[in-house]
Amino acid sequence: MFCSKDVVFVICHTGTAGGAPDGLAGTALRLLHQLAAGDAGGEALARATPPLVTALRPALGADAPPPAAALALETLQRALSPSNRCV
């Protein structure tokens, strides 16, 4: 799977504003979640600038819906997992 840092940058900046699981924010959150599942995507997300956690912060807020928070946490887990690294 190919995932450039530019793609990750665009997704992170388009992303999860407001933490809502609907519309563009929800689509970006689901796309990040799927990208993090692959080795190259997980590696790119782990090294993204700004950090992935910054982009996902709105989805992790107290006012975020539980499904958005769960998806954001799982995305971080996938992206930062040591087993999800390119060699």
C-alpha atoms as a PDB file:
ATOM      1  CA  MET A   1       0.000   0.000   0.000  1.00  0.00           C
ATOM      2  CA  PHE A   2       1.329   3.425  -0.929  1.00  0.00           C
ATOM      3  CA  CYS A   3       0.761   6.327   1.427  1.00  0.00           C
ATOM      4  CA  SER A   4       2.744   9.511   0.998  1.00  0.00           C
ATOM      5  CA  LYS A   5       3.283  12.060   3.746  1.00  0.00           C
ATOM      6  CA  ASP A   6       1.431  14.578   1.560  1.00  0.00           C
ATOM      7  CA  VAL A   7      -1.701  12.424   1.589  1.00  0.00           C
ATOM      8  CA  VAL A   8      -1.511  12.080   5.368  1.00  0.00           C
ATOM      9  CA  PHE A   9      -0.981  15.852   5.739  1.00  0.00           C
ATOM     10  CA  VAL A  10      -4.094  16.635   3.683  1.00  0.00           C
ATOM     11  CA  ILE A  11      -6.216  14.137   5.583  1.00  0.00           C
ATOM     12  CA  CYS A  12      -5.002  15.357   8.971  1.00  0.00           C
ATOM     13  CA  HIS A  13      -5.759  18.964   8.056  1.00  0.00           C
ATOM     14  CA  THR A  14      -9.118  18.196   6.448  1.00  0.00           C
ATOM     15  CA  GLY A  15      -9.953  15.922   9.208  1.00  0.00           C
ATOM     16  CA  THR A  16     -11.637  15.631  12.476  1.00  0.00           C
ATOM     17  CA  ALA A  17     -12.655  19.187  13.321  1.00  0.00           C
ATOM     18  CA  GLY A  18     -15.314  19.050  15.967  1.00  0.00           C
ATOM     19  CA  GLY A  19     -14.972  15.303  16.391  1.00  0.00           C
ATOM     20  CA  ALA A  20     -18.282  14.688  14.651  1.00  0.00           C
ATOM     21  CA  PRO A  21     -18.561  11.225  13.111  1.00  0.00           C
ATOM     22  CA  ASP A  22     -20.578  12.585  10.192  1.00  0.00           C
ATOM     23  CA  GLY A  23     -19.785  14.550   7.064  1.00  0.00           C
ATOM     24  CA  LEU A  24     -16.227  15.340   6.063  1.00  0.00           C
ATOM     25  CA  ALA A  25     -14.801  14.901   9.568  1.00  0.00           C
ATOM     26  CA  GLY A  26     -16.254  11.414   9.890  1.00  0.00           C
ATOM     27  CA  THR A  27     -15.047  10.450   6.430  1.00  0.00           C
ATOM     28  CA  ALA A  28     -11.518  11.641   7.219  1.00  0.00           C
ATOM     29  CA  LEU A  29     -11.544   9.790  10.535  1.00  0.00           C
ATOM     30  CA  ARG A  30     -12.639   6.548   8.862  1.00  0.00           C
ATOM     31  CA  LEU A  31     -10.025   7.006   6.124  1.00  0.00           C
ATOM     32  CA  LEU A  32      -7.263   7.552   8.697  1.00  0.00           C
ATOM     33  CA  HIS A  33      -8.459   4.421  10.488  1.00  0.00           C
ATOM     34  CA  GLN A  34      -8.189   2.362   7.298  1.00  0.00           C
ATOM     35  CA  LEU A  35      -4.796   3.832   6.348  1.00  0.00           C
ATOM     36  CA  ALA A  36      -3.423   2.939   9.775  1.00  0.00           C
ATOM     37  CA  ALA A  37      -4.278  -0.726   9.172  1.00  0.00           C
ATOM     38  CA  GLY A  38      -1.553  -1.126   6.538  1.00  0.00           C
ATOM     39  CA  ASP A  39       2.188  -1.113   7.177  1.00  0.00           C
ATOM     40  CA  ALA A  40       2.976   1.864   4.944  1.00  0.00           C
ATOM     41  CA  GLY A  41      -0.064   3.818   6.099  1.00  0.00           C
ATOM     42  CA  GLY A  42       0.663   3.161   9.766  1.00  0.00           C
ATOM     43  CA  GLU A  43       4.268   4.214   9.291  1.00  0.00           C
ATOM     44  CA  ALA A  44       3.262   7.414   7.486  1.00  0.00           C
ATOM     45  CA  LEU A  45       0.668   8.275  10.126  1.00  0.00           C
ATOM     46  CA  ALA A  46       3.128   7.613  12.949  1.00  0.00           C
ATOM     47  CA  ARG A  47       5.598  10.041  11.337  1.00  0.00           C
ATOM     48  CA  ALA A  48       3.025  12.627  10.202  1.00  0.00           C
ATOM     49  CA  THR A  49       3.622  16.327  10.718  1.00  0.00           C
ATOM     50  CA  PRO A  50       1.693  17.598  12.618  1.00  0.00           C
ATOM     51  CA  PRO A  51       1.473  14.526  14.852  1.00  0.00           C
ATOM     52  CA  LEU A  52      -1.557  12.322  14.320  1.00  0.00           C
ATOM     53  CA  VAL A  53      -2.714  12.873  17.886  1.00  0.00           C
ATOM     54  CA  THR A  54      -3.040  16.606  17.161  1.00  0.00           C
ATOM     55  CA  ALA A  55      -5.363  15.879  14.247  1.00  0.00           C
ATOM     56  CA  LEU A  56      -7.396  13.404  16.296  1.00  0.00           C
ATOM     57  CA  ARG A  57      -7.639  15.560  19.439  1.00  0.00           C
ATOM     58  CA  PRO A  58     -11.121  16.944  18.603  1.00  0.00           C
ATOM     59  CA  ALA A  59     -12.443  13.394  18.201  1.00  0.00           C
ATOM     60  CA  LEU A  60     -11.021  12.509  21.629  1.00  0.00           C
ATOM     61  CA  GLY A  61     -12.612  15.441  23.449  1.00  0.00           C
ATOM     62  CA  ALA A  62     -15.202  15.131  26.198  1.00  0.00           C
ATOM     63  CA  ASP A  63     -17.948  16.409  23.893  1.00  0.00           C
ATOM     64  CA  ALA A  64     -17.098  13.972  21.081  1.00  0.00           C
ATOM     65  CA  PRO A  65     -19.535  11.144  20.394  1.00  0.00           C
ATOM     66  CA  PRO A  66     -18.329   7.781  21.786  1.00  0.00           C
ATOM     67  CA  PRO A  67     -18.090   6.158  18.314  1.00  0.00           C
ATOM     68  CA  ALA A  68     -15.745   8.929  17.107  1.00  0.00           C
ATOM     69  CA  ALA A  69     -13.590   8.634  20.230  1.00  0.00           C
ATOM     70  CA  ALA A  70     -13.381   4.850  19.891  1.00  0.00           C
ATOM     71  CA  LEU A  71     -12.405   5.109  16.226  1.00  0.00           C
ATOM     72  CA  ALA A  72      -9.788   7.766  16.983  1.00  0.00           C
ATOM     73  CA  LEU A  73      -8.248   5.671  19.767  1.00  0.00           C
ATOM     74  CA  GLU A  74      -8.125   2.580  17.576  1.00  0.00           C
ATOM     75  CA  THR A  75      -6.514   4.642  14.799  1.00  0.00           C
ATOM     76  CA  LEU A  76      -3.780   5.787  17.200  1.00  0.00           C
ATOM     77  CA  GLN A  77      -3.290   2.228  18.419  1.00  0.00           C
ATOM     78  CA  ARG A  78      -2.879   0.962  14.855  1.00  0.00           C
ATOM     79  CA  ALA A  79      -0.561   3.773  13.765  1.00  0.00           C
ATOM     80  CA  LEU A  80       1.702   3.584  16.814  1.00  0.00           C
ATOM     81  CA  SER A  81       1.864  -0.192  17.118  1.00  0.00           C
ATOM     82  CA  PRO A  82       5.456  -1.508  16.887  1.00  0.00           C
ATOM     83  CA  SER A  83       4.225  -4.394  14.733  1.00  0.00           C
ATOM     84  CA  ASN A  84       2.945  -1.909  12.139  1.00  0.00           C
ATOM     85  CA  ARG A  85       6.322  -0.766  10.833  1.00  0.00           C
ATOM     86  CA  CYS A  86       7.929  -1.033   7.413  1.00  0.00           C
ATOM     87  CA  VAL A  87      11.251  -2.850   7.288  1.00  0.00           C
END
